[in-house]
Amino acid sequence: EAYLTAFVANLVSAAVRAVPLGQTEGQRAIRDLAPLISAVAAD
């Protein structure tokens, strides 16, 4: 789960710079993906 969380956080950080997105929007994306990260890790 930690590996997948770091993977997502890094891609969100890239999007914050490239889109660009605000830092708050980036954090919301990480928050919204947290349940899926847990599910994928468990599977």
All heavy atoms as atom14 arrays in JSON, in Angstrom:
{
  "sequence": "EAYLTAFVANLVSAAVRAVPLGQTEGQRAIRDLAPLISAVAAD",
  "atom14_mask": [
    [1, 1, 1, 1, 1, 1, 1, 1, 1, 0, 0, 0, 0, 0],
    [1, 1, 1, 1, 1, 0, 0, 0, 0, 0, 0, 0, 0, 0],
    [1, 1, 1, 1, 1, 1, 1, 1, 1, 1, 1, 1, 0, 0],
    [1, 1, 1, 1, 1, 1, 1, 1, 0, 0, 0, 0, 0, 0],
    [1, 1, 1, 1, 1, 1, 1, 0, 0, 0, 0, 0, 0, 0],
    [1, 1, 1, 1, 1, 0, 0, 0, 0, 0, 0, 0, 0, 0],
    [1, 1, 1, 1, 1, 1, 1, 1, 1, 1, 1, 0, 0, 0],
    [1, 1, 1, 1, 1, 1, 1, 0, 0, 0, 0, 0, 0, 0],
    [1, 1, 1, 1, 1, 0, 0, 0, 0, 0, 0, 0, 0, 0],
    [1, 1, 1, 1, 1, 1, 1, 1, 0, 0, 0, 0, 0, 0],
    [1, 1, 1, 1, 1, 1, 1, 1, 0, 0, 0, 0, 0, 0],
    [1, 1, 1, 1, 1, 1, 1, 0, 0, 0, 0, 0, 0, 0],
    [1, 1, 1, 1, 1, 1, 0, 0, 0, 0, 0, 0, 0, 0],
    [1, 1, 1, 1, 1, 0, 0, 0, 0, 0, 0, 0, 0, 0],
    [1, 1, 1, 1, 1, 0, 0, 0, 0, 0, 0, 0, 0, 0],
    [1, 1, 1, 1, 1, 1, 1, 0, 0, 0, 0, 0, 0, 0],
    [1, 1, 1, 1, 1, 1, 1, 1, 1, 1, 1, 0, 0, 0],
    [1, 1, 1, 1, 1, 0, 0, 0, 0, 0, 0, 0, 0, 0],
    [1, 1, 1, 1, 1, 1, 1, 0, 0, 0, 0, 0, 0, 0],
    [1, 1, 1, 1, 1, 1, 1, 0, 0, 0, 0, 0, 0, 0],
    [1, 1, 1, 1, 1, 1, 1, 1, 0, 0, 0, 0, 0, 0],
    [1, 1, 1, 1, 0, 0, 0, 0, 0, 0, 0, 0, 0, 0],
    [1, 1, 1, 1, 1, 1, 1, 1, 1, 0, 0, 0, 0, 0],
    [1, 1, 1, 1, 1, 1, 1, 0, 0, 0, 0, 0, 0, 0],
    [1, 1, 1, 1, 1, 1, 1, 1, 1, 0, 0, 0, 0, 0],
    [1, 1, 1, 1, 0, 0, 0, 0, 0, 0, 0, 0, 0, 0],
    [1, 1, 1, 1, 1, 1, 1, 1, 1, 0, 0, 0, 0, 0],
    [1, 1, 1, 1, 1, 1, 1, 1, 1, 1, 1, 0, 0, 0],
    [1, 1, 1, 1, 1, 0, 0, 0, 0, 0, 0, 0, 0, 0],
    [1, 1, 1, 1, 1, 1, 1, 1, 0, 0, 0, 0, 0, 0],
    [1, 1, 1, 1, 1, 1, 1, 1, 1, 1, 1, 0, 0, 0],
    [1, 1, 1, 1, 1, 1, 1, 1, 0, 0, 0, 0, 0, 0],
    [1, 1, 1, 1, 1, 1, 1, 1, 0, 0, 0, 0, 0, 0],
    [1, 1, 1, 1, 1, 0, 0, 0, 0, 0, 0, 0, 0, 0],
    [1, 1, 1, 1, 1, 1, 1, 0, 0, 0, 0, 0, 0, 0],
    [1, 1, 1, 1, 1, 1, 1, 1, 0, 0, 0, 0, 0, 0],
    [1, 1, 1, 1, 1, 1, 1, 1, 0, 0, 0, 0, 0, 0],
    [1, 1, 1, 1, 1, 1, 0, 0, 0, 0, 0, 0, 0, 0],
    [1, 1, 1, 1, 1, 0, 0, 0, 0, 0, 0, 0, 0, 0],
    [1, 1, 1, 1, 1, 1, 1, 0, 0, 0, 0, 0, 0, 0],
    [1, 1, 1, 1, 1, 0, 0, 0, 0, 0, 0, 0, 0, 0],
    [1, 1, 1, 1, 1, 0, 0, 0, 0, 0, 0, 0, 0, 0],
    [1, 1, 1, 1, 1, 1, 1, 1, 0, 0, 0, 0, 0, 0]
  ],
  "atom14_positions": [
    [[0.83, -1.21, 0.0], [0.0, 0.0, 0.0], [0.87, 1.26, 0.0], [0.54, 2.24, -0.68], [-0.94, -0.01, 1.2], [-1.93, 1.14, 1.17], [-3.18, 0.88, 2.0], [-3.35, -0.25, 2.5], [-4.0, 1.8, 2.12], [0.0, 0.0, 0.0], [0.0, 0.0, 0.0], [0.0, 0.0, 0.0], [0.0, 0.0, 0.0], [0.0, 0.0, 0.0]],
    [[1.96, 1.23, 0.74], [2.86, 2.39, 0.76], [3.49, 2.61, -0.61], [3.62, 3.75, -1.06], [3.95, 2.19, 1.81], [0.0, 0.0, 0.0], [0.0, 0.0, 0.0], [0.0, 0.0, 0.0], [0.0, 0.0, 0.0], [0.0, 0.0, 0.0], [0.0, 0.0, 0.0], [0.0, 0.0, 0.0], [0.0, 0.0, 0.0], [0.0, 0.0, 0.0]],
    [[3.86, 1.52, -1.28], [4.46, 1.64, -2.62], [3.46, 2.29, -3.58], [3.81, 3.21, -4.33], [4.87, 0.26, -3.14], [5.4, 0.28, -4.55], [6.74, 0.53, -4.81], [4.53, 0.09, -5.63], [7.21, 0.58, -6.12], [5.0, 0.14, -6.93], [6.35, 0.38, -7.17], [6.81, 0.44, -8.47], [0.0, 0.0, 0.0], [0.0, 0.0, 0.0]],
    [[2.22, 1.82, -3.6], [1.22, 2.37, -4.51], [0.87, 3.82, -4.15], [0.64, 4.64, -5.05], [-0.04, 1.51, -4.5], [0.08, 0.14, -5.16], [-1.23, -0.62, -5.02], [0.47, 0.26, -6.63], [0.0, 0.0, 0.0], [0.0, 0.0, 0.0], [0.0, 0.0, 0.0], [0.0, 0.0, 0.0], [0.0, 0.0, 0.0], [0.0, 0.0, 0.0]],
    [[0.84, 4.13, -2.88], [0.56, 5.51, -2.47], [1.65, 6.45, -2.97], [1.37, 7.54, -3.48], [0.44, 5.6, -0.94], [-0.63, 4.77, -0.5], [0.18, 7.03, -0.5], [0.0, 0.0, 0.0], [0.0, 0.0, 0.0], [0.0, 0.0, 0.0], [0.0, 0.0, 0.0], [0.0, 0.0, 0.0], [0.0, 0.0, 0.0], [0.0, 0.0, 0.0]],
    [[2.91, 6.02, -2.84], [4.02, 6.84, -3.33], [3.98, 6.97, -4.85], [4.28, 8.05, -5.39], [5.35, 6.23, -2.88], [0.0, 0.0, 0.0], [0.0, 0.0, 0.0], [0.0, 0.0, 0.0], [0.0, 0.0, 0.0], [0.0, 0.0, 0.0], [0.0, 0.0, 0.0], [0.0, 0.0, 0.0], [0.0, 0.0, 0.0], [0.0, 0.0, 0.0]],
    [[3.62, 5.9, -5.53], [3.5, 5.92, -6.99], [2.47, 6.95, -7.43], [2.72, 7.79, -8.3], [3.11, 4.52, -7.46], [2.77, 4.39, -8.91], [3.75, 4.5, -9.89], [1.46, 4.14, -9.32], [3.44, 4.37, -11.24], [1.14, 4.01, -10.65], [2.13, 4.13, -11.63], [0.0, 0.0, 0.0], [0.0, 0.0, 0.0], [0.0, 0.0, 0.0]],
    [[1.29, 6.93, -6.8], [0.23, 7.88, -7.14], [0.65, 9.29, -6.77], [0.44, 10.24, -7.55], [-1.08, 7.48, -6.44], [-2.1, 8.62, -6.5], [-1.66, 6.23, -7.08], [0.0, 0.0, 0.0], [0.0, 0.0, 0.0], [0.0, 0.0, 0.0], [0.0, 0.0, 0.0], [0.0, 0.0, 0.0], [0.0, 0.0, 0.0], [0.0, 0.0, 0.0]],
    [[1.23, 9.47, -5.6], [1.63, 10.81, -5.17], [2.64, 11.42, -6.13], [2.58, 12.63, -6.43], [2.21, 10.75, -3.76], [0.0, 0.0, 0.0], [0.0, 0.0, 0.0], [0.0, 0.0, 0.0], [0.0, 0.0, 0.0], [0.0, 0.0, 0.0], [0.0, 0.0, 0.0], [0.0, 0.0, 0.0], [0.0, 0.0, 0.0], [0.0, 0.0, 0.0]],
    [[3.55, 10.6, -6.66], [4.53, 11.13, -7.6], [3.87, 11.57, -8.9], [4.22, 12.62, -9.46], [5.6, 10.07, -7.9], [6.7, 10.62, -8.77], [7.45, 11.49, -8.36], [6.78, 10.14, -10.01], [0.0, 0.0, 0.0], [0.0, 0.0, 0.0], [0.0, 0.0, 0.0], [0.0, 0.0, 0.0], [0.0, 0.0, 0.0], [0.0, 0.0, 0.0]],
    [[2.91, 10.8, -9.4], [2.23, 11.18, -10.64], [1.34, 12.39, -10.43], [1.21, 13.24, -11.33], [1.44, 10.0, -11.18], [2.28, 8.8, -11.62], [1.41, 7.76, -12.31], [3.41, 9.23, -12.56], [0.0, 0.0, 0.0], [0.0, 0.0, 0.0], [0.0, 0.0, 0.0], [0.0, 0.0, 0.0], [0.0, 0.0, 0.0], [0.0, 0.0, 0.0]],
    [[0.73, 12.51, -9.28], [-0.05, 13.71, -8.97], [0.88, 14.93, -8.93], [0.54, 16.0, -9.45], [-0.81, 13.55, -7.65], [-1.38, 14.89, -7.18], [-1.94, 12.54, -7.82], [0.0, 0.0, 0.0], [0.0, 0.0, 0.0], [0.0, 0.0, 0.0], [0.0, 0.0, 0.0], [0.0, 0.0, 0.0], [0.0, 0.0, 0.0], [0.0, 0.0, 0.0]],
    [[2.04, 14.77, -8.34], [3.01, 15.87, -8.31], [3.42, 16.28, -9.72], [3.55, 17.48, -10.01], [4.25, 15.44, -7.51], [5.23, 16.45, -7.52], [0.0, 0.0, 0.0], [0.0, 0.0, 0.0], [0.0, 0.0, 0.0], [0.0, 0.0, 0.0], [0.0, 0.0, 0.0], [0.0, 0.0, 0.0], [0.0, 0.0, 0.0], [0.0, 0.0, 0.0]],
    [[3.59, 15.3, -10.6], [3.91, 15.61, -12.0], [2.77, 16.39, -12.65], [3.0, 17.35, -13.39], [4.19, 14.33, -12.77], [0.0, 0.0, 0.0], [0.0, 0.0, 0.0], [0.0, 0.0, 0.0], [0.0, 0.0, 0.0], [0.0, 0.0, 0.0], [0.0, 0.0, 0.0], [0.0, 0.0, 0.0], [0.0, 0.0, 0.0], [0.0, 0.0, 0.0]],
    [[1.53, 15.98, -12.37], [0.37, 16.67, -12.95], [0.23, 18.09, -12.42], [-0.16, 19.0, -13.16], [-0.89, 15.87, -12.66], [0.0, 0.0, 0.0], [0.0, 0.0, 0.0], [0.0, 0.0, 0.0], [0.0, 0.0, 0.0], [0.0, 0.0, 0.0], [0.0, 0.0, 0.0], [0.0, 0.0, 0.0], [0.0, 0.0, 0.0], [0.0, 0.0, 0.0]],
    [[0.53, 18.29, -11.13], [0.46, 19.63, -10.56], [1.38, 20.58, -11.34], [1.02, 21.74, -11.59], [0.86, 19.59, -9.06], [1.14, 20.99, -8.52], [-0.24, 18.93, -8.24], [0.0, 0.0, 0.0], [0.0, 0.0, 0.0], [0.0, 0.0, 0.0], [0.0, 0.0, 0.0], [0.0, 0.0, 0.0], [0.0, 0.0, 0.0], [0.0, 0.0, 0.0]],
    [[2.51, 20.07, -11.79], [3.44, 20.9, -12.56], [3.07, 20.98, -14.04], [3.25, 22.02, -14.67], [4.86, 20.33, -12.43], [5.48, 20.56, -11.05], [6.78, 19.8, -10.9], [6.55, 18.4, -10.56], [7.48, 17.46, -10.65], [8.69, 17.74, -11.09], [7.18, 16.21, -10.29], [0.0, 0.0, 0.0], [0.0, 0.0, 0.0], [0.0, 0.0, 0.0]],
    [[2.57, 19.89, -14.59], [2.39, 19.82, -16.05], [1.04, 20.32, -16.53], [0.94, 20.86, -17.64], [2.61, 18.39, -16.54], [0.0, 0.0, 0.0], [0.0, 0.0, 0.0], [0.0, 0.0, 0.0], [0.0, 0.0, 0.0], [0.0, 0.0, 0.0], [0.0, 0.0, 0.0], [0.0, 0.0, 0.0], [0.0, 0.0, 0.0], [0.0, 0.0, 0.0]],
    [[-0.04, 20.15, -15.77], [-1.37, 20.52, -16.28], [-1.52, 22.02, -16.52], [-1.89, 22.42, -17.64], [-2.46, 19.95, -15.38], [-3.83, 20.48, -15.78], [-2.49, 18.4, -15.45], [0.0, 0.0, 0.0], [0.0, 0.0, 0.0], [0.0, 0.0, 0.0], [0.0, 0.0, 0.0], [0.0, 0.0, 0.0], [0.0, 0.0, 0.0], [0.0, 0.0, 0.0]],
    [[-1.26, 22.91, -15.53], [-0.95, 22.66, -14.12], [-2.22, 22.59, -13.28], [-3.27, 23.07, -13.67], [-0.13, 23.89, -13.73], [-0.72, 24.99, -14.56], [-1.16, 24.34, -15.87], [0.0, 0.0, 0.0], [0.0, 0.0, 0.0], [0.0, 0.0, 0.0], [0.0, 0.0, 0.0], [0.0, 0.0, 0.0], [0.0, 0.0, 0.0], [0.0, 0.0, 0.0]],
    [[-2.06, 21.97, -12.09], [-3.14, 21.91, -11.1], [-2.68, 22.64, -9.84], [-1.48, 22.76, -9.59], [-3.45, 20.46, -10.71], [-4.07, 19.54, -11.76], [-4.21, 18.16, -11.16], [-5.4, 20.06, -12.23], [0.0, 0.0, 0.0], [0.0, 0.0, 0.0], [0.0, 0.0, 0.0], [0.0, 0.0, 0.0], [0.0, 0.0, 0.0], [0.0, 0.0, 0.0]],
    [[-3.62, 23.08, -9.04], [-3.28, 23.62, -7.74], [-2.87, 22.51, -6.79], [-3.26, 21.35, -6.95], [0.0, 0.0, 0.0], [0.0, 0.0, 0.0], [0.0, 0.0, 0.0], [0.0, 0.0, 0.0], [0.0, 0.0, 0.0], [0.0, 0.0, 0.0], [0.0, 0.0, 0.0], [0.0, 0.0, 0.0], [0.0, 0.0, 0.0], [0.0, 0.0, 0.0]],
    [[-2.1, 22.87, -5.79], [-1.68, 21.87, -4.8], [-2.88, 21.24, -4.09], [-2.89, 20.04, -3.8], [-0.76, 22.55, -3.76], [0.56, 23.04, -4.32], [1.54, 21.91, -4.58], [1.32, 20.77, -4.15], [2.63, 22.2, -5.25], [0.0, 0.0, 0.0], [0.0, 0.0, 0.0], [0.0, 0.0, 0.0], [0.0, 0.0, 0.0], [0.0, 0.0, 0.0]],
    [[-3.9, 22.05, -3.81], [-5.09, 21.51, -3.13], [-5.81, 20.5, -4.0], [-6.24, 19.44, -3.53], [-6.04, 22.65, -2.75], [-5.36, 23.55, -1.87], [-7.29, 22.12, -2.05], [0.0, 0.0, 0.0], [0.0, 0.0, 0.0], [0.0, 0.0, 0.0], [0.0, 0.0, 0.0], [0.0, 0.0, 0.0], [0.0, 0.0, 0.0], [0.0, 0.0, 0.0]],
    [[-5.94, 20.79, -5.3], [-6.57, 19.82, -6.21], [-5.77, 18.53, -6.27], [-6.34, 17.43, -6.33], [-6.7, 20.43, -7.61], [-7.76, 21.49, -7.73], [-7.89, 21.97, -9.16], [-6.88, 22.48, -9.7], [-8.98, 21.84, -9.73], [0.0, 0.0, 0.0], [0.0, 0.0, 0.0], [0.0, 0.0, 0.0], [0.0, 0.0, 0.0], [0.0, 0.0, 0.0]],
    [[-4.46, 18.66, -6.24], [-3.62, 17.46, -6.24], [-3.84, 16.61, -5.01], [-3.94, 15.38, -5.1], [0.0, 0.0, 0.0], [0.0, 0.0, 0.0], [0.0, 0.0, 0.0], [0.0, 0.0, 0.0], [0.0, 0.0, 0.0], [0.0, 0.0, 0.0], [0.0, 0.0, 0.0], [0.0, 0.0, 0.0], [0.0, 0.0, 0.0], [0.0, 0.0, 0.0]],
    [[-3.94, 17.25, -3.86], [-4.17, 16.51, -2.62], [-5.55, 15.85, -2.62], [-5.71, 14.74, -2.1], [-4.02, 17.43, -1.42], [-2.58, 17.83, -1.14], [-1.69, 16.61, -0.9], [-2.0, 15.75, -0.07], [-0.59, 16.53, -1.63], [0.0, 0.0, 0.0], [0.0, 0.0, 0.0], [0.0, 0.0, 0.0], [0.0, 0.0, 0.0], [0.0, 0.0, 0.0]],
    [[-6.52, 16.51, -3.21], [-7.86, 15.9, -3.29], [-7.82, 14.65, -4.17], [-8.51, 13.67, -3.89], [-8.85, 16.91, -3.84], [-9.25, 18.0, -2.83], [-10.09, 19.07, -3.48], [-10.48, 20.1, -2.53], [-10.77, 21.34, -2.85], [-10.72, 21.73, -4.13], [-11.12, 22.22, -1.92], [0.0, 0.0, 0.0], [0.0, 0.0, 0.0], [0.0, 0.0, 0.0]],
    [[-7.03, 14.7, -5.24], [-6.91, 13.52, -6.1], [-6.32, 12.35, -5.33], [-6.8, 11.21, -5.43], [-6.06, 13.86, -7.32], [0.0, 0.0, 0.0], [0.0, 0.0, 0.0], [0.0, 0.0, 0.0], [0.0, 0.0, 0.0], [0.0, 0.0, 0.0], [0.0, 0.0, 0.0], [0.0, 0.0, 0.0], [0.0, 0.0, 0.0], [0.0, 0.0, 0.0]],
    [[-5.27, 12.61, -4.55], [-4.66, 11.55, -3.73], [-5.68, 11.01, -2.72], [-5.8, 9.79, -2.53], [-3.4, 12.07, -3.03], [-2.32, 12.43, -4.06], [-2.86, 11.03, -2.05], [-1.12, 13.13, -3.47], [0.0, 0.0, 0.0], [0.0, 0.0, 0.0], [0.0, 0.0, 0.0], [0.0, 0.0, 0.0], [0.0, 0.0, 0.0], [0.0, 0.0, 0.0]],
    [[-6.41, 11.92, -2.09], [-7.45, 11.5, -1.13], [-8.49, 10.62, -1.8], [-8.86, 9.55, -1.27], [-8.13, 12.75, -0.57], [-9.29, 12.48, 0.38], [-10.21, 13.68, 0.48], [-10.87, 13.96, -0.8], [-11.51, 15.1, -1.09], [-11.56, 16.07, -0.19], [-12.08, 15.27, -2.28], [0.0, 0.0, 0.0], [0.0, 0.0, 0.0], [0.0, 0.0, 0.0]],
    [[-8.95, 11.02, -2.98], [-10.02, 10.27, -3.65], [-9.54, 8.9, -4.13], [-10.34, 7.97, -4.27], [-10.56, 11.08, -4.83], [-11.31, 12.33, -4.38], [-11.66, 12.42, -3.18], [-11.52, 13.23, -5.22], [0.0, 0.0, 0.0], [0.0, 0.0, 0.0], [0.0, 0.0, 0.0], [0.0, 0.0, 0.0], [0.0, 0.0, 0.0], [0.0, 0.0, 0.0]],
    [[-8.23, 8.77, -4.4], [-7.7, 7.5, -4.89], [-7.29, 6.56, -3.76], [-7.0, 5.39, -4.02], [-6.49, 7.77, -5.8], [-6.82, 8.38, -7.16], [-5.56, 8.92, -7.81], [-7.49, 7.36, -8.06], [0.0, 0.0, 0.0], [0.0, 0.0, 0.0], [0.0, 0.0, 0.0], [0.0, 0.0, 0.0], [0.0, 0.0, 0.0], [0.0, 0.0, 0.0]],
    [[-7.3, 7.04, -2.52], [-6.83, 6.22, -1.39], [-7.61, 4.9, -1.26], [-6.98, 3.84, -1.06], [-6.88, 7.01, -0.1], [0.0, 0.0, 0.0], [0.0, 0.0, 0.0], [0.0, 0.0, 0.0], [0.0, 0.0, 0.0], [0.0, 0.0, 0.0], [0.0, 0.0, 0.0], [0.0, 0.0, 0.0], [0.0, 0.0, 0.0], [0.0, 0.0, 0.0]],
    [[-8.95, 4.89, -1.34], [-9.64, 3.6, -1.23], [-9.26, 2.61, -2.34], [-9.15, 1.4, -2.1], [-11.12, 3.99, -1.32], [-11.17, 5.43, -0.9], [-9.9, 6.02, -1.42], [0.0, 0.0, 0.0], [0.0, 0.0, 0.0], [0.0, 0.0, 0.0], [0.0, 0.0, 0.0], [0.0, 0.0, 0.0], [0.0, 0.0, 0.0], [0.0, 0.0, 0.0]],
    [[-9.06, 3.13, -3.55], [-8.67, 2.26, -4.65], [-7.26, 1.72, -4.44], [-6.99, 0.54, -4.72], [-8.76, 3.01, -5.98], [-8.34, 2.24, -7.23], [-9.19, 0.97, -7.39], [-8.47, 3.12, -8.47], [0.0, 0.0, 0.0], [0.0, 0.0, 0.0], [0.0, 0.0, 0.0], [0.0, 0.0, 0.0], [0.0, 0.0, 0.0], [0.0, 0.0, 0.0]],
    [[-6.37, 2.55, -3.95], [-5.01, 2.09, -3.64], [-5.07, 0.92, -2.66], [-4.41, -0.11, -2.86], [-4.17, 3.24, -3.06], [-3.85, 4.27, -4.15], [-2.9, 2.72, -2.42], [-3.25, 5.56, -3.62], [0.0, 0.0, 0.0], [0.0, 0.0, 0.0], [0.0, 0.0, 0.0], [0.0, 0.0, 0.0], [0.0, 0.0, 0.0], [0.0, 0.0, 0.0]],
    [[-5.87, 1.06, -1.62], [-5.99, -0.03, -0.63], [-6.55, -1.29, -1.26], [-6.08, -2.4, -0.98], [-6.9, 0.43, 0.52], [-6.33, 1.52, 1.21], [0.0, 0.0, 0.0], [0.0, 0.0, 0.0], [0.0, 0.0, 0.0], [0.0, 0.0, 0.0], [0.0, 0.0, 0.0], [0.0, 0.0, 0.0], [0.0, 0.0, 0.0], [0.0, 0.0, 0.0]],
    [[-7.54, -1.14, -2.13], [-8.16, -2.3, -2.77], [-7.19, -3.01, -3.71], [-7.11, -4.24, -3.72], [-9.42, -1.88, -3.52], [0.0, 0.0, 0.0], [0.0, 0.0, 0.0], [0.0, 0.0, 0.0], [0.0, 0.0, 0.0], [0.0, 0.0, 0.0], [0.0, 0.0, 0.0], [0.0, 0.0, 0.0], [0.0, 0.0, 0.0], [0.0, 0.0, 0.0]],
    [[-6.45, -2.24, -4.5], [-5.49, -2.84, -5.43], [-4.38, -3.55, -4.67], [-3.95, -4.65, -5.05], [-4.91, -1.76, -6.38], [-3.76, -2.31, -7.21], [-6.01, -1.23, -7.3], [0.0, 0.0, 0.0], [0.0, 0.0, 0.0], [0.0, 0.0, 0.0], [0.0, 0.0, 0.0], [0.0, 0.0, 0.0], [0.0, 0.0, 0.0], [0.0, 0.0, 0.0]],
    [[-3.9, -2.93, -3.6], [-2.86, -3.57, -2.79], [-3.37, -4.88, -2.18], [-2.66, -5.89, -2.19], [-2.4, -2.61, -1.69], [0.0, 0.0, 0.0], [0.0, 0.0, 0.0], [0.0, 0.0, 0.0], [0.0, 0.0, 0.0], [0.0, 0.0, 0.0], [0.0, 0.0, 0.0], [0.0, 0.0, 0.0], [0.0, 0.0, 0.0], [0.0, 0.0, 0.0]],
    [[-4.59, -4.87, -1.67], [-5.15, -6.08, -1.08], [-5.33, -7.18, -2.12], [-5.03, -8.36, -1.87], [-6.48, -5.76, -0.41], [0.0, 0.0, 0.0], [0.0, 0.0, 0.0], [0.0, 0.0, 0.0], [0.0, 0.0, 0.0], [0.0, 0.0, 0.0], [0.0, 0.0, 0.0], [0.0, 0.0, 0.0], [0.0, 0.0, 0.0], [0.0, 0.0, 0.0]],
    [[-5.8, -6.82, -3.31], [-5.98, -7.81, -4.37], [-4.64, -8.42, -4.79], [-4.56, -9.61, -5.12], [-6.64, -7.17, -5.58], [-8.12, -6.86, -5.36], [-8.69, -7.38, -4.37], [-8.7, -6.11, -6.17], [0.0, 0.0, 0.0], [0.0, 0.0, 0.0], [0.0, 0.0, 0.0], [0.0, 0.0, 0.0], [0.0, 0.0, 0.0], [0.0, 0.0, 0.0]]
  ]
}
